[in-house]
Amino acid sequence: MAAETNHPITVDSTISLKGIVKAIFKDTIHVQIGGKVITMPISTEGKLNGDN
């Protein structure tokens, strides 16, 4: 059974993760979380730039 809707659902949420920073580049940051290294874009809004 699938729900059909004409209204898209959007979510704007903030999460907090703790990990080991492995590398910081001009536009991405590489963080080790749970044994895996993930790449995240550095936000221009200051969220990953320490401007909170």
N, C-alpha and C. Protein backbone atom coordinates (compact mmCIF):
# COMPACT_ATOMS: atom_id res chain seq x y z
N MET A 1 0.85 -1.18 0.00
CA MET A 1 0.00 0.00 0.00
C MET A 1 0.89 1.23 0.00
N ALA A 2 0.71 2.10 -0.95
CA ALA A 2 1.51 3.31 -1.07
C ALA A 2 0.61 4.53 -0.94
N ALA A 3 1.08 5.50 -0.21
CA ALA A 3 0.33 6.75 -0.07
C ALA A 3 0.62 7.64 -1.26
N GLU A 4 -0.42 8.20 -1.82
CA GLU A 4 -0.26 9.12 -2.94
C GLU A 4 -0.63 10.52 -2.47
N THR A 5 0.19 11.47 -2.85
CA THR A 5 -0.06 12.84 -2.46
C THR A 5 0.44 13.79 -3.54
N ASN A 6 -0.20 14.91 -3.65
CA ASN A 6 0.23 15.94 -4.59
C ASN A 6 1.06 17.00 -3.90
N HIS A 7 1.25 16.85 -2.60
CA HIS A 7 2.00 17.83 -1.82
C HIS A 7 3.32 17.21 -1.37
N PRO A 8 4.44 17.72 -1.87
CA PRO A 8 5.73 17.16 -1.44
C PRO A 8 6.00 17.48 0.03
N ILE A 9 6.70 16.60 0.69
CA ILE A 9 7.07 16.78 2.09
C ILE A 9 8.52 17.26 2.13
N THR A 10 8.76 18.33 2.86
CA THR A 10 10.12 18.83 3.02
C THR A 10 10.46 18.87 4.51
N VAL A 11 11.72 18.64 4.81
CA VAL A 11 12.19 18.67 6.19
C VAL A 11 13.44 19.53 6.26
N ASP A 12 13.45 20.46 7.17
CA ASP A 12 14.63 21.30 7.42
C ASP A 12 15.02 21.08 8.87
N SER A 13 16.05 20.29 9.08
CA SER A 13 16.41 19.89 10.43
C SER A 13 17.92 19.96 10.62
N THR A 14 18.34 20.14 11.85
CA THR A 14 19.75 20.15 12.21
C THR A 14 20.05 18.93 13.05
N ILE A 15 21.16 18.25 12.75
CA ILE A 15 21.57 17.11 13.55
C ILE A 15 22.97 17.39 14.09
N SER A 16 23.32 16.72 15.15
CA SER A 16 24.64 16.86 15.75
C SER A 16 25.34 15.52 15.69
N LEU A 17 26.53 15.50 15.10
CA LEU A 17 27.33 14.28 15.00
C LEU A 17 28.69 14.53 15.64
N LYS A 18 29.20 13.51 16.31
CA LYS A 18 30.55 13.61 16.86
C LYS A 18 31.44 12.66 16.08
N GLY A 19 32.57 13.16 15.64
CA GLY A 19 33.50 12.34 14.89
C GLY A 19 34.88 12.95 14.90
N ILE A 20 35.80 12.27 14.24
CA ILE A 20 37.18 12.72 14.15
C ILE A 20 37.38 13.37 12.78
N VAL A 21 37.79 14.63 12.79
CA VAL A 21 38.04 15.32 11.53
C VAL A 21 39.32 14.77 10.92
N LYS A 22 39.22 14.24 9.70
CA LYS A 22 40.37 13.67 9.01
C LYS A 22 41.03 14.66 8.07
N ALA A 23 40.23 15.50 7.41
CA ALA A 23 40.78 16.46 6.45
C ALA A 23 39.79 17.59 6.23
N ILE A 24 40.32 18.78 5.98
CA ILE A 24 39.50 19.94 5.65
C ILE A 24 40.06 20.52 4.35
N PHE A 25 39.20 20.61 3.36
CA PHE A 25 39.58 21.20 2.08
C PHE A 25 38.78 22.47 1.86
N LYS A 26 38.98 23.11 0.72
CA LYS A 26 38.32 24.39 0.42
C LYS A 26 36.80 24.30 0.52
N ASP A 27 36.21 23.21 0.00
CA ASP A 27 34.75 23.12 -0.05
C ASP A 27 34.18 21.88 0.62
N THR A 28 35.01 21.01 1.21
CA THR A 28 34.52 19.81 1.88
C THR A 28 35.29 19.54 3.16
N ILE A 29 34.67 18.77 4.03
CA ILE A 29 35.31 18.31 5.26
C ILE A 29 35.11 16.81 5.34
N HIS A 30 36.16 16.08 5.70
CA HIS A 30 36.10 14.63 5.80
C HIS A 30 36.14 14.26 7.28
N VAL A 31 35.10 13.54 7.74
CA VAL A 31 34.96 13.21 9.15
C VAL A 31 34.79 11.71 9.30
N GLN A 32 35.49 11.12 10.29
CA GLN A 32 35.32 9.70 10.58
C GLN A 32 34.28 9.55 11.66
N ILE A 33 33.21 8.83 11.33
CA ILE A 33 32.11 8.57 12.26
C ILE A 33 31.82 7.08 12.20
N GLY A 34 31.94 6.40 13.32
CA GLY A 34 31.62 4.98 13.38
C GLY A 34 32.46 4.11 12.46
N GLY A 35 33.72 4.42 12.30
CA GLY A 35 34.61 3.61 11.49
C GLY A 35 34.58 3.91 10.01
N LYS A 36 33.74 4.84 9.57
CA LYS A 36 33.67 5.22 8.16
C LYS A 36 33.98 6.71 8.03
N VAL A 37 34.68 7.05 6.96
CA VAL A 37 34.97 8.46 6.68
C VAL A 37 33.93 8.96 5.71
N ILE A 38 33.23 10.01 6.10
CA ILE A 38 32.21 10.60 5.23
C ILE A 38 32.66 12.00 4.82
N THR A 39 32.23 12.42 3.66
CA THR A 39 32.56 13.75 3.13
C THR A 39 31.32 14.62 3.19
N MET A 40 31.47 15.81 3.75
CA MET A 40 30.35 16.75 3.83
C MET A 40 30.77 18.07 3.21
N PRO A 41 29.86 18.72 2.51
CA PRO A 41 30.19 20.05 1.97
C PRO A 41 30.27 21.07 3.10
N ILE A 42 31.16 22.02 2.98
CA ILE A 42 31.24 23.10 3.96
C ILE A 42 30.20 24.14 3.59
N SER A 43 29.33 24.42 4.52
CA SER A 43 28.22 25.33 4.28
C SER A 43 28.70 26.76 4.20
N THR A 44 28.13 27.51 3.29
CA THR A 44 28.44 28.94 3.19
C THR A 44 27.68 29.73 4.24
N GLU A 45 26.78 29.06 4.97
CA GLU A 45 25.99 29.75 5.99
C GLU A 45 26.68 29.74 7.35
N GLY A 46 27.89 29.19 7.42
CA GLY A 46 28.64 29.23 8.66
C GLY A 46 28.39 28.06 9.59
N LYS A 47 27.59 27.09 9.21
CA LYS A 47 27.25 25.97 10.09
C LYS A 47 28.44 25.06 10.35
N LEU A 48 29.35 24.88 9.39
CA LEU A 48 30.53 24.06 9.59
C LEU A 48 31.80 24.90 9.69
N ASN A 49 31.65 26.21 9.76
CA ASN A 49 32.81 27.09 9.82
C ASN A 49 33.09 27.59 11.23
N GLY A 50 32.35 27.11 12.22
CA GLY A 50 32.57 27.54 13.59
C GLY A 50 32.00 28.91 13.91
N ASP A 51 31.05 29.38 13.11
CA ASP A 51 30.47 30.70 13.33
C ASP A 51 29.15 30.63 14.08
N ASN A 52 28.86 29.51 14.76
CA ASN A 52 27.56 29.35 15.44
C ASN A 52 27.48 30.26 16.63
